[in-house]
Amino acid sequence: MHDEAGLWLSYRGALGLTERIEAPPPPPNPCASCRDKPCLSACPVDAFAGATYDVAGCKADLDRPGNDCMARGCAVRRACPVGREHGRREAQSAFHMRAFR
């Protein structure tokens, strides 16, 4: 969870270093001060209800005709109040959801 971009920050890569580098301390987690936590109830299949993310349950639901997450992007991501200005166009989100499925 990024402190400014919320759930809209995605990493799709890695760096392999031969030496250890010092990183700055992480910023405060915005979830800690989020009173309503709308993300936790936004998933249509409660994929975040357990201790871990239910990837299989999420993917299975994406095949449901008219699935809103498939058409517009993950409902959890869209529900988070942090970083809404960093959101993506629906067509771009749908592209990534198809790749995820």
PDB file of N, CA and C in Angstrom:
ATOM      1  N   MET A   1       0.853  -1.171   0.000  1.00  0.00           N
ATOM      2  CA  MET A   1       0.000   0.000   0.000  1.00  0.00           C
ATOM      3  C   MET A   1       0.896   1.229   0.000  1.00  0.00           C
ATOM      4  N   HIS A   2       0.804   2.030  -1.049  1.00  0.00           N
ATOM      5  CA  HIS A   2       1.617   3.236  -1.154  1.00  0.00           C
ATOM      6  C   HIS A   2       0.949   4.373  -0.391  1.00  0.00           C
ATOM      7  N   ASP A   3       1.735   5.204   0.245  1.00  0.00           N
ATOM      8  CA  ASP A   3       1.168   6.265   1.076  1.00  0.00           C
ATOM      9  C   ASP A   3       0.442   7.336   0.275  1.00  0.00           C
ATOM     10  N   GLU A   4       0.786   7.533  -0.993  1.00  0.00           N
ATOM     11  CA  GLU A   4       0.118   8.549  -1.818  1.00  0.00           C
ATOM     12  C   GLU A   4      -0.710   7.942  -2.949  1.00  0.00           C
ATOM     13  N   ALA A   5      -0.228   6.876  -3.579  1.00  0.00           N
ATOM     14  CA  ALA A   5      -0.924   6.267  -4.718  1.00  0.00           C
ATOM     15  C   ALA A   5      -1.851   5.136  -4.293  1.00  0.00           C
ATOM     16  N   GLY A   6      -1.858   4.796  -3.026  1.00  0.00           N
ATOM     17  CA  GLY A   6      -2.748   3.755  -2.537  1.00  0.00           C
ATOM     18  C   GLY A   6      -2.528   2.435  -3.238  1.00  0.00           C
ATOM     19  N   LEU A   7      -3.601   1.808  -3.665  1.00  0.00           N
ATOM     20  CA  LEU A   7      -3.526   0.516  -4.345  1.00  0.00           C
ATOM     21  C   LEU A   7      -3.244   0.658  -5.840  1.00  0.00           C
ATOM     22  N   TRP A   8      -3.031   1.887  -6.300  1.00  0.00           N
ATOM     23  CA  TRP A   8      -2.792   2.106  -7.724  1.00  0.00           C
ATOM     24  C   TRP A   8      -1.330   1.977  -8.109  1.00  0.00           C
ATOM     25  N   LEU A   9      -0.461   1.751  -7.167  1.00  0.00           N
ATOM     26  CA  LEU A   9       0.952   1.577  -7.468  1.00  0.00           C
ATOM     27  C   LEU A   9       1.218   0.098  -7.707  1.00  0.00           C
ATOM     28  N   SER A  10       1.808  -0.228  -8.845  1.00  0.00           N
ATOM     29  CA  SER A  10       2.089  -1.620  -9.184  1.00  0.00           C
ATOM     30  C   SER A  10       3.543  -1.744  -9.611  1.00  0.00           C
ATOM     31  N   TYR A  11       4.176  -2.792  -9.156  1.00  0.00           N
ATOM     32  CA  TYR A  11       5.548  -3.081  -9.578  1.00  0.00           C
ATOM     33  C   TYR A  11       5.528  -4.339 -10.425  1.00  0.00           C
ATOM     34  N   ARG A  12       6.186  -4.278 -11.556  1.00  0.00           N
ATOM     35  CA  ARG A  12       6.258  -5.443 -12.440  1.00  0.00           C
ATOM     36  C   ARG A  12       7.702  -5.687 -12.840  1.00  0.00           C
ATOM     37  N   GLY A  13       8.543  -5.801 -11.863  1.00  0.00           N
ATOM     38  CA  GLY A  13       9.950  -6.019 -12.143  1.00  0.00           C
ATOM     39  C   GLY A  13      10.716  -6.209 -10.849  1.00  0.00           C
ATOM     40  N   ALA A  14      11.990  -6.458 -10.991  1.00  0.00           N
ATOM     41  CA  ALA A  14      12.845  -6.652  -9.829  1.00  0.00           C
ATOM     42  C   ALA A  14      14.260  -6.240 -10.195  1.00  0.00           C
ATOM     43  N   LEU A  15      15.024  -5.919  -9.187  1.00  0.00           N
ATOM     44  CA  LEU A  15      16.434  -5.592  -9.369  1.00  0.00           C
ATOM     45  C   LEU A  15      17.258  -6.620  -8.615  1.00  0.00           C
ATOM     46  N   GLY A  16      18.321  -7.087  -9.228  1.00  0.00           N
ATOM     47  CA  GLY A  16      19.259  -7.985  -8.558  1.00  0.00           C
ATOM     48  C   GLY A  16      20.548  -7.218  -8.309  1.00  0.00           C
ATOM     49  N   LEU A  17      20.894  -7.051  -7.061  1.00  0.00           N
ATOM     50  CA  LEU A  17      22.088  -6.286  -6.704  1.00  0.00           C
ATOM     51  C   LEU A  17      23.134  -7.210  -6.089  1.00  0.00           C
ATOM     52  N   THR A  18      24.373  -6.896  -6.313  1.00  0.00           N
ATOM     53  CA  THR A  18      25.444  -7.704  -5.728  1.00  0.00           C
ATOM     54  C   THR A  18      25.835  -7.217  -4.345  1.00  0.00           C
ATOM     55  N   GLU A  19      25.398  -6.042  -3.968  1.00  0.00           N
ATOM     56  CA  GLU A  19      25.724  -5.521  -2.644  1.00  0.00           C
ATOM     57  C   GLU A  19      24.461  -4.994  -1.975  1.00  0.00           C
ATOM     58  N   ARG A  20      24.503  -4.911  -0.682  1.00  0.00           N
ATOM     59  CA  ARG A  20      23.362  -4.437   0.092  1.00  0.00           C
ATOM     60  C   ARG A  20      23.345  -2.906   0.068  1.00  0.00           C
ATOM     61  N   ILE A  21      22.167  -2.335  -0.124  1.00  0.00           N
ATOM     62  CA  ILE A  21      22.023  -0.883  -0.059  1.00  0.00           C
ATOM     63  C   ILE A  21      21.041  -0.546   1.052  1.00  0.00           C
ATOM     64  N   GLU A  22      21.208   0.603   1.631  1.00  0.00           N
ATOM     65  CA  GLU A  22      20.302   1.062   2.680  1.00  0.00           C
ATOM     66  C   GLU A  22      19.119   1.770   2.027  1.00  0.00           C
ATOM     67  N   ALA A  23      17.953   1.420   2.431  1.00  0.00           N
ATOM     68  CA  ALA A  23      16.740   2.058   1.922  1.00  0.00           C
ATOM     69  C   ALA A  23      16.166   2.941   3.027  1.00  0.00           C
ATOM     70  N   PRO A  24      15.493   4.007   2.642  1.00  0.00           N
ATOM     71  CA  PRO A  24      14.876   4.843   3.675  1.00  0.00           C
ATOM     72  C   PRO A  24      13.746   4.081   4.358  1.00  0.00           C
ATOM     73  N   PRO A  25      13.393   4.483   5.557  1.00  0.00           N
ATOM     74  CA  PRO A  25      12.275   3.803   6.217  1.00  0.00           C
ATOM     75  C   PRO A  25      10.989   4.024   5.425  1.00  0.00           C
ATOM     76  N   PRO A  26      10.077   3.061   5.463  1.00  0.00           N
ATOM     77  CA  PRO A  26       8.829   3.228   4.712  1.00  0.00           C
ATOM     78  C   PRO A  26       7.969   4.332   5.324  1.00  0.00           C
ATOM     79  N   PRO A  27       7.156   4.979   4.495  1.00  0.00           N
ATOM     80  CA  PRO A  27       6.237   5.991   5.029  1.00  0.00           C
ATOM     81  C   PRO A  27       5.133   5.312   5.836  1.00  0.00           C
ATOM     82  N   PRO A  28       4.386   6.060   6.599  1.00  0.00           N
ATOM     83  CA  PRO A  28       3.285   5.450   7.366  1.00  0.00           C
ATOM     84  C   PRO A  28       2.270   4.794   6.423  1.00  0.00           C
ATOM     85  N   ASN A  29       1.724   3.690   6.852  1.00  0.00           N
ATOM     86  CA  ASN A  29       0.716   2.980   6.073  1.00  0.00           C
ATOM     87  C   ASN A  29      -0.613   3.733   6.203  1.00  0.00           C
ATOM     88  N   PRO A  30      -1.184   4.209   5.091  1.00  0.00           N
ATOM     89  CA  PRO A  30      -2.436   4.961   5.186  1.00  0.00           C
ATOM     90  C   PRO A  30      -3.613   4.122   5.676  1.00  0.00           C
ATOM     91  N   CYS A  31      -3.512   2.802   5.586  1.00  0.00           N
ATOM     92  CA  CYS A  31      -4.602   1.937   6.069  1.00  0.00           C
ATOM     93  C   CYS A  31      -4.799   2.083   7.578  1.00  0.00           C
ATOM     94  N   ALA A  32      -3.724   2.371   8.286  1.00  0.00           N
ATOM     95  CA  ALA A  32      -3.800   2.469   9.745  1.00  0.00           C
ATOM     96  C   ALA A  32      -4.719   3.604  10.198  1.00  0.00           C
ATOM     97  N   SER A  33      -4.814   4.658   9.408  1.00  0.00           N
ATOM     98  CA  SER A  33      -5.655   5.793   9.798  1.00  0.00           C
ATOM     99  C   SER A  33      -6.965   5.865   9.012  1.00  0.00           C
ATOM    100  N   CYS A  34      -7.226   4.886   8.163  1.00  0.00           N
ATOM    101  CA  CYS A  34      -8.464   4.866   7.375  1.00  0.00           C
ATOM    102  C   CYS A  34      -9.597   4.354   8.263  1.00  0.00           C
ATOM    103  N   ARG A  35     -10.546   5.210   8.553  1.00  0.00           N
ATOM    104  CA  ARG A  35     -11.620   4.869   9.482  1.00  0.00           C
ATOM    105  C   ARG A  35     -12.597   3.845   8.908  1.00  0.00           C
ATOM    106  N   ASP A  36     -13.068   4.056   7.690  1.00  0.00           N
ATOM    107  CA  ASP A  36     -14.137   3.214   7.135  1.00  0.00           C
ATOM    108  C   ASP A  36     -13.643   1.942   6.452  1.00  0.00           C
ATOM    109  N   LYS A  37     -12.414   1.957   5.947  1.00  0.00           N
ATOM    110  CA  LYS A  37     -11.824   0.809   5.242  1.00  0.00           C
ATOM    111  C   LYS A  37     -12.785   0.200   4.205  1.00  0.00           C
ATOM    112  N   PRO A  38     -13.241   1.008   3.231  1.00  0.00           N
ATOM    113  CA  PRO A  38     -14.199   0.506   2.244  1.00  0.00           C
ATOM    114  C   PRO A  38     -13.648  -0.621   1.371  1.00  0.00           C
ATOM    115  N   CYS A  39     -12.358  -0.700   1.261  1.00  0.00           N
ATOM    116  CA  CYS A  39     -11.754  -1.751   0.440  1.00  0.00           C
ATOM    117  C   CYS A  39     -12.074  -3.145   0.966  1.00  0.00           C
ATOM    118  N   LEU A  40     -12.187  -3.288   2.279  1.00  0.00           N
ATOM    119  CA  LEU A  40     -12.378  -4.612   2.869  1.00  0.00           C
ATOM    120  C   LEU A  40     -13.738  -5.231   2.562  1.00  0.00           C
ATOM    121  N   SER A  41     -14.707  -4.399   2.206  1.00  0.00           N
ATOM    122  CA  SER A  41     -16.034  -4.940   1.885  1.00  0.00           C
ATOM    123  C   SER A  41     -16.396  -4.776   0.406  1.00  0.00           C
ATOM    124  N   ALA A  42     -15.480  -4.278  -0.403  1.00  0.00           N
ATOM    125  CA  ALA A  42     -15.781  -4.013  -1.814  1.00  0.00           C
ATOM    126  C   ALA A  42     -15.710  -5.246  -2.710  1.00  0.00           C
ATOM    127  N   CYS A  43     -14.978  -6.260  -2.313  1.00  0.00           N
ATOM    128  CA  CYS A  43     -14.800  -7.433  -3.169  1.00  0.00           C
ATOM    129  C   CYS A  43     -16.089  -8.255  -3.236  1.00  0.00           C
ATOM    130  N   PRO A  44     -16.571  -8.549  -4.444  1.00  0.00           N
ATOM    131  CA  PRO A  44     -17.818  -9.307  -4.574  1.00  0.00           C
ATOM    132  C   PRO A  44     -17.714 -10.753  -4.105  1.00  0.00           C
ATOM    133  N   VAL A  45     -16.503 -11.281  -3.953  1.00  0.00           N
ATOM    134  CA  VAL A  45     -16.339 -12.662  -3.472  1.00  0.00           C
ATOM    135  C   VAL A  45     -15.556 -12.719  -2.158  1.00  0.00           C
ATOM    136  N   ASP A  46     -15.435 -11.587  -1.482  1.00  0.00           N
ATOM    137  CA  ASP A  46     -14.720 -11.520  -0.196  1.00  0.00           C
ATOM    138  C   ASP A  46     -13.334 -12.155  -0.270  1.00  0.00           C
ATOM    139  N   ALA A  47     -12.596 -11.855  -1.309  1.00  0.00           N
ATOM    140  CA  ALA A  47     -11.273 -12.447  -1.497  1.00  0.00           C
ATOM    141  C   ALA A  47     -10.270 -12.019  -0.427  1.00  0.00           C
ATOM    142  N   PHE A  48     -10.596 -10.996   0.351  1.00  0.00           N
ATOM    143  CA  PHE A  48      -9.691 -10.544   1.404  1.00  0.00           C
ATOM    144  C   PHE A  48     -10.247 -10.827   2.799  1.00  0.00           C
ATOM    145  N   ALA A  49     -11.253 -11.689   2.886  1.00  0.00           N
ATOM    146  CA  ALA A  49     -11.885 -11.972   4.177  1.00  0.00           C
ATOM    147  C   ALA A  49     -10.998 -12.825   5.079  1.00  0.00           C
ATOM    148  N   GLY A  50     -10.140 -13.646   4.504  1.00  0.00           N
ATOM    149  CA  GLY A  50      -9.276 -14.522   5.296  1.00  0.00           C
ATOM    150  C   GLY A  50      -7.939 -13.875   5.597  1.00  0.00           C
ATOM    151  N   ALA A  51      -7.022 -14.682   6.043  1.00  0.00           N
ATOM    152  CA  ALA A  51      -5.687 -14.193   6.394  1.00  0.00           C
ATOM    153  C   ALA A  51      -4.846 -13.871   5.161  1.00  0.00           C
ATOM    154  N   THR A  52      -5.219 -14.443   4.007  1.00  0.00           N
ATOM    155  CA  THR A  52      -4.486 -14.190   2.767  1.00  0.00           C
ATOM    156  C   THR A  52      -5.469 -13.862   1.651  1.00  0.00           C
ATOM    157  N   TYR A  53      -4.941 -13.401   0.552  1.00  0.00           N
ATOM    158  CA  TYR A  53      -5.729 -13.041  -0.631  1.00  0.00           C
ATOM    159  C   TYR A  53      -6.157 -14.318  -1.352  1.00  0.00           C
ATOM    160  N   ASP A  54      -7.445 -14.525  -1.544  1.00  0.00           N
ATOM    161  CA  ASP A  54      -7.990 -15.701  -2.212  1.00  0.00           C
ATOM    162  C   ASP A  54      -7.928 -15.484  -3.727  1.00  0.00           C
ATOM    163  N   VAL A  55      -6.765 -15.742  -4.283  1.00  0.00           N
ATOM    164  CA  VAL A  55      -6.535 -15.522  -5.712  1.00  0.00           C
ATOM    165  C   VAL A  55      -7.460 -16.415  -6.545  1.00  0.00           C
ATOM    166  N   ALA A  56      -7.577 -17.670  -6.171  1.00  0.00           N
ATOM    167  CA  ALA A  56      -8.413 -18.604  -6.942  1.00  0.00           C
ATOM    168  C   ALA A  56      -9.874 -18.156  -6.951  1.00  0.00           C
ATOM    169  N   GLY A  57     -10.385 -17.718  -5.813  1.00  0.00           N
ATOM    170  CA  GLY A  57     -11.770 -17.246  -5.740  1.00  0.00           C
ATOM    171  C   GLY A  57     -11.985 -16.011  -6.584  1.00  0.00           C
ATOM    172  N   CYS A  58     -11.016 -15.110  -6.568  1.00  0.00           N
ATOM    173  CA  CYS A  58     -11.093 -13.895  -7.380  1.00  0.00           C
ATOM    174  C   CYS A  58     -11.110 -14.251  -8.863  1.00  0.00           C
ATOM    175  N   LYS A  59     -10.172 -15.077  -9.289  1.00  0.00           N
ATOM    176  CA  LYS A  59     -10.084 -15.446 -10.707  1.00  0.00           C
ATOM    177  C   LYS A  59     -11.329 -16.183 -11.180  1.00  0.00           C
ATOM    178  N   ALA A  60     -11.864 -17.065 -10.351  1.00  0.00           N
ATOM    179  CA  ALA A  60     -13.067 -17.812 -10.733  1.00  0.00           C
ATOM    180  C   ALA A  60     -14.239 -16.870 -10.958  1.00  0.00           C
ATOM    181  N   ASP A  61     -14.349 -15.837 -10.132  1.00  0.00           N
ATOM    182  CA  ASP A  61     -15.463 -14.893 -10.267  1.00  0.00           C
ATOM    183  C   ASP A  61     -15.332 -14.031 -11.524  1.00  0.00           C
ATOM    184  N   LEU A  62     -14.131 -13.840 -12.007  1.00  0.00           N
ATOM    185  CA  LEU A  62     -13.933 -13.001 -13.192  1.00  0.00           C
ATOM    186  C   LEU A  62     -14.598 -13.587 -14.432  1.00  0.00           C
ATOM    187  N   ASP A  63     -14.872 -14.872 -14.424  1.00  0.00           N
ATOM    188  CA  ASP A  63     -15.544 -15.520 -15.564  1.00  0.00           C
ATOM    189  C   ASP A  63     -17.050 -15.324 -15.550  1.00  0.00           C
ATOM    190  N   ARG A  64     -17.577 -14.764 -14.472  1.00  0.00           N
ATOM    191  CA  ARG A  64     -19.027 -14.534 -14.366  1.00  0.00           C
ATOM    192  C   ARG A  64     -19.445 -13.477 -15.381  1.00  0.00           C
ATOM    193  N   PRO A  65     -20.470 -13.745 -16.202  1.00  0.00           N
ATOM    194  CA  PRO A  65     -20.929 -12.746 -17.180  1.00  0.00           C
ATOM    195  C   PRO A  65     -21.293 -11.419 -16.502  1.00  0.00           C
ATOM    196  N   GLY A  66     -20.871 -10.337 -17.098  1.00  0.00           N
ATOM    197  CA  GLY A  66     -21.178  -9.006 -16.578  1.00  0.00           C
ATOM    198  C   GLY A  66     -20.365  -8.612 -15.359  1.00  0.00           C
ATOM    199  N   ASN A  67     -19.264  -9.314 -15.090  1.00  0.00           N
ATOM    200  CA  ASN A  67     -18.448  -9.011 -13.917  1.00  0.00           C
ATOM    201  C   ASN A  67     -17.909  -7.585 -13.979  1.00  0.00           C
ATOM    202  N   ASP A  68     -18.231  -6.804 -12.964  1.00  0.00           N
ATOM    203  CA  ASP A  68     -17.831  -5.394 -12.907  1.00  0.00           C
ATOM    204  C   ASP A  68     -16.319  -5.222 -12.777  1.00  0.00           C
ATOM    205  N   CYS A  69     -15.687  -6.105 -12.026  1.00  0.00           N
ATOM    206  CA  CYS A  69     -14.230  -6.016 -11.872  1.00  0.00           C
ATOM    207  C   CYS A  69     -13.538  -6.255 -13.215  1.00  0.00           C
ATOM    208  N   MET A  70     -14.064  -7.190 -13.974  1.00  0.00           N
ATOM    209  CA  MET A  70     -13.478  -7.501 -15.272  1.00  0.00           C
ATOM    210  C   MET A  70     -13.616  -6.320 -16.232  1.00  0.00           C
ATOM    211  N   ALA A  71     -14.726  -5.640 -16.167  1.00  0.00           N
ATOM    212  CA  ALA A  71     -14.993  -4.525 -17.081  1.00  0.00           C
ATOM    213  C   ALA A  71     -14.320  -3.219 -16.666  1.00  0.00           C
ATOM    214  N   ARG A  72     -14.238  -2.969 -15.348  1.00  0.00           N
ATOM    215  CA  ARG A  72     -13.779  -1.654 -14.867  1.00  0.00           C
ATOM    216  C   ARG A  72     -12.524  -1.699 -14.021  1.00  0.00           C
ATOM    217  N   GLY A  73     -12.067  -2.897 -13.667  1.00  0.00           N
ATOM    218  CA  GLY A  73     -10.920  -3.040 -12.782  1.00  0.00           C
ATOM    219  C   GLY A  73     -11.376  -3.445 -11.396  1.00  0.00           C
ATOM    220  N   CYS A  74     -10.460  -3.924 -10.621  1.00  0.00           N
ATOM    221  CA  CYS A  74     -10.720  -4.463  -9.280  1.00  0.00           C
ATOM    222  C   CYS A  74     -11.534  -3.488  -8.417  1.00  0.00           C
ATOM    223  N   ALA A  75     -12.645  -3.996  -7.880  1.00  0.00           N
ATOM    224  CA  ALA A  75     -13.522  -3.176  -7.028  1.00  0.00           C
ATOM    225  C   ALA A  75     -12.826  -2.742  -5.750  1.00  0.00           C
ATOM    226  N   VAL A  76     -11.949  -3.573  -5.222  1.00  0.00           N
ATOM    227  CA  VAL A  76     -11.203  -3.223  -4.004  1.00  0.00           C
ATOM    228  C   VAL A  76     -10.303  -2.028  -4.290  1.00  0.00           C
ATOM    229  N   ARG A  77      -9.587  -2.097  -5.374  1.00  0.00           N
ATOM    230  CA  ARG A  77      -8.691  -1.004  -5.754  1.00  0.00           C
ATOM    231  C   ARG A  77      -9.480   0.295  -5.958  1.00  0.00           C
ATOM    232  N   ARG A  78     -10.629   0.191  -6.613  1.00  0.00           N
ATOM    233  CA  ARG A  78     -11.445   1.380  -6.870  1.00  0.00           C
ATOM    234  C   ARG A  78     -12.083   1.934  -5.606  1.00  0.00           C
ATOM    235  N   ALA A  79     -12.283   1.094  -4.585  1.00  0.00           N
ATOM    236  CA  ALA A  79     -12.932   1.538  -3.345  1.00  0.00           C
ATOM    237  C   ALA A  79     -11.987   2.290  -2.418  1.00  0.00           C
ATOM    238  N   CYS A  80     -10.702   2.073  -2.552  1.00  0.00           N
ATOM    239  CA  CYS A  80      -9.730   2.710  -1.658  1.00  0.00           C
ATOM    240  C   CYS A  80      -9.746   4.221  -1.860  1.00  0.00           C
ATOM    241  N   PRO A  81      -9.888   4.992  -0.764  1.00  0.00           N
ATOM    242  CA  PRO A  81      -9.916   6.449  -0.900  1.00  0.00           C
ATOM    243  C   PRO A  81      -8.537   7.067  -1.146  1.00  0.00           C
ATOM    244  N   VAL A  82      -7.477   6.303  -0.906  1.00  0.00           N
ATOM    245  CA  VAL A  82      -6.120   6.825  -1.085  1.00  0.00           C
ATOM    246  C   VAL A  82      -5.706   6.686  -2.543  1.00  0.00           C
ATOM    247  N   GLY A  83      -5.252   7.759  -3.137  1.00  0.00           N
ATOM    248  CA  GLY A  83      -4.690   7.711  -4.474  1.00  0.00           C
ATOM    249  C   GLY A  83      -5.674   7.639  -5.616  1.00  0.00           C
ATOM    250  N   ARG A  84      -6.912   8.004  -5.378  1.00  0.00           N
ATOM    251  CA  ARG A  84      -7.906   7.925  -6.471  1.00  0.00           C
ATOM    252  C   ARG A  84      -7.476   8.716  -7.700  1.00  0.00           C
ATOM    253  N   GLU A  85      -6.720   9.779  -7.490  1.00  0.00           N
ATOM    254  CA  GLU A  85      -6.260  10.579  -8.632  1.00  0.00           C
ATOM    255  C   GLU A  85      -5.225   9.828  -9.471  1.00  0.00           C
ATOM    256  N   HIS A  86      -4.749   8.694  -8.981  1.00  0.00           N
ATOM    257  CA  HIS A  86      -3.784   7.878  -9.720  1.00  0.00           C
ATOM    258  C   HIS A  86      -4.459   6.716 -10.441  1.00  0.00           C
ATOM    259  N   GLY A  87      -5.780   6.675 -10.418  1.00  0.00           N
ATOM    260  CA  GLY A  87      -6.526   5.581 -11.044  1.00  0.00           C
ATOM    261  C   GLY A  87      -6.252   5.484 -12.536  1.00  0.00           C
ATOM    262  N   ARG A  88      -6.679   4.383 -13.095  1.00  0.00           N
ATOM    263  CA  ARG A  88      -6.468   4.140 -14.524  1.00  0.00           C
ATOM    264  C   ARG A  88      -7.784   4.242 -15.279  1.00  0.00           C
ATOM    265  N   ARG A  89      -7.678   4.397 -16.585  1.00  0.00           N
ATOM    266  CA  ARG A  89      -8.878   4.344 -17.424  1.00  0.00           C
ATOM    267  C   ARG A  89      -9.450   2.941 -17.330  1.00  0.00           C
ATOM    268  N   GLU A  90     -10.757   2.844 -17.452  1.00  0.00           N
ATOM    269  CA  GLU A  90     -11.411   1.542 -17.346  1.00  0.00           C
ATOM    270  C   GLU A  90     -10.880   0.551 -18.368  1.00  0.00           C
ATOM    271  N   ALA A  91     -10.619   1.002 -19.587  1.00  0.00           N
ATOM    272  CA  ALA A  91     -10.111   0.102 -20.626  1.00  0.00           C
ATOM    273  C   ALA A  91      -8.736  -0.456 -20.238  1.00  0.00           C
ATOM    274  N   GLN A  92      -7.894   0.367 -19.623  1.00  0.00           N
ATOM    275  CA  GLN A  92      -6.582  -0.108 -19.191  1.00  0.00           C
ATOM    276  C   GLN A  92      -6.734  -1.108 -18.046  1.00  0.00           C
ATOM    277  N   SER A  93      -7.624  -0.806 -17.109  1.00  0.00           N
ATOM    278  CA  SER A  93      -7.870  -1.732 -16.002  1.00  0.00           C
ATOM    279  C   SER A  93      -8.426  -3.058 -16.512  1.00  0.00           C
ATOM    280  N   ALA A  94      -9.323  -3.014 -17.482  1.00  0.00           N
ATOM    281  CA  ALA A  94      -9.890  -4.235 -18.057  1.00  0.00           C
ATOM    282  C   ALA A  94      -8.797  -5.067 -18.732  1.00  0.00           C
ATOM    283  N   PHE A  95      -7.872  -4.406 -19.401  1.00  0.00           N
ATOM    284  CA  PHE A  95      -6.744  -5.096 -20.032  1.00  0.00           C
ATOM    285  C   PHE A  95      -5.950  -5.878 -18.988  1.00  0.00           C
ATOM    286  N   HIS A  96      -5.638  -5.235 -17.870  1.00  0.00           N
ATOM    287  CA  HIS A  96      -4.857  -5.890 -16.820  1.00  0.00           C
ATOM    288  C   HIS A  96      -5.646  -6.998 -16.133  1.00  0.00           C
ATOM    289  N   MET A  97      -6.956  -6.823 -16.006  1.00  0.00           N
ATOM    290  CA  MET A  97      -7.776  -7.876 -15.408  1.00  0.00           C
ATOM    291  C   MET A  97      -7.804  -9.106 -16.329  1.00  0.00           C
ATOM    292  N   ARG A  98      -7.878  -8.889 -17.623  1.00  0.00           N
ATOM    293  CA  ARG A  98      -7.838 -10.032 -18.569  1.00  0.00           C
ATOM    294  C   ARG A  98      -6.505 -10.768 -18.451  1.00  0.00           C
ATOM    295  N   ALA A  99      -5.408 -10.008 -18.318  1.00  0.00           N
ATOM    296  CA  ALA A  99      -4.085 -10.624 -18.183  1.00  0.00           C
ATOM    297  C   ALA A  99      -3.982 -11.382 -16.852  1.00  0.00           C
ATOM    298  N   PHE A 100      -4.569 -10.842 -15.795  1.00  0.00           N
ATOM    299  CA  PHE A 100      -4.565 -11.490 -14.487  1.00  0.00           C
ATOM    300  C   PHE A 100      -5.357 -12.789 -14.514  1.00  0.00           C
ATOM    301  N   ARG A 101      -6.516 -12.751 -15.186  1.00  0.00           N
ATOM    302  CA  ARG A 101      -7.376 -13.939 -15.247  1.00  0.00           C
ATOM    303  C   ARG A 101      -6.664 -15.043 -15.995  1.00  0.00           C
TER     304      ARG A 101
END
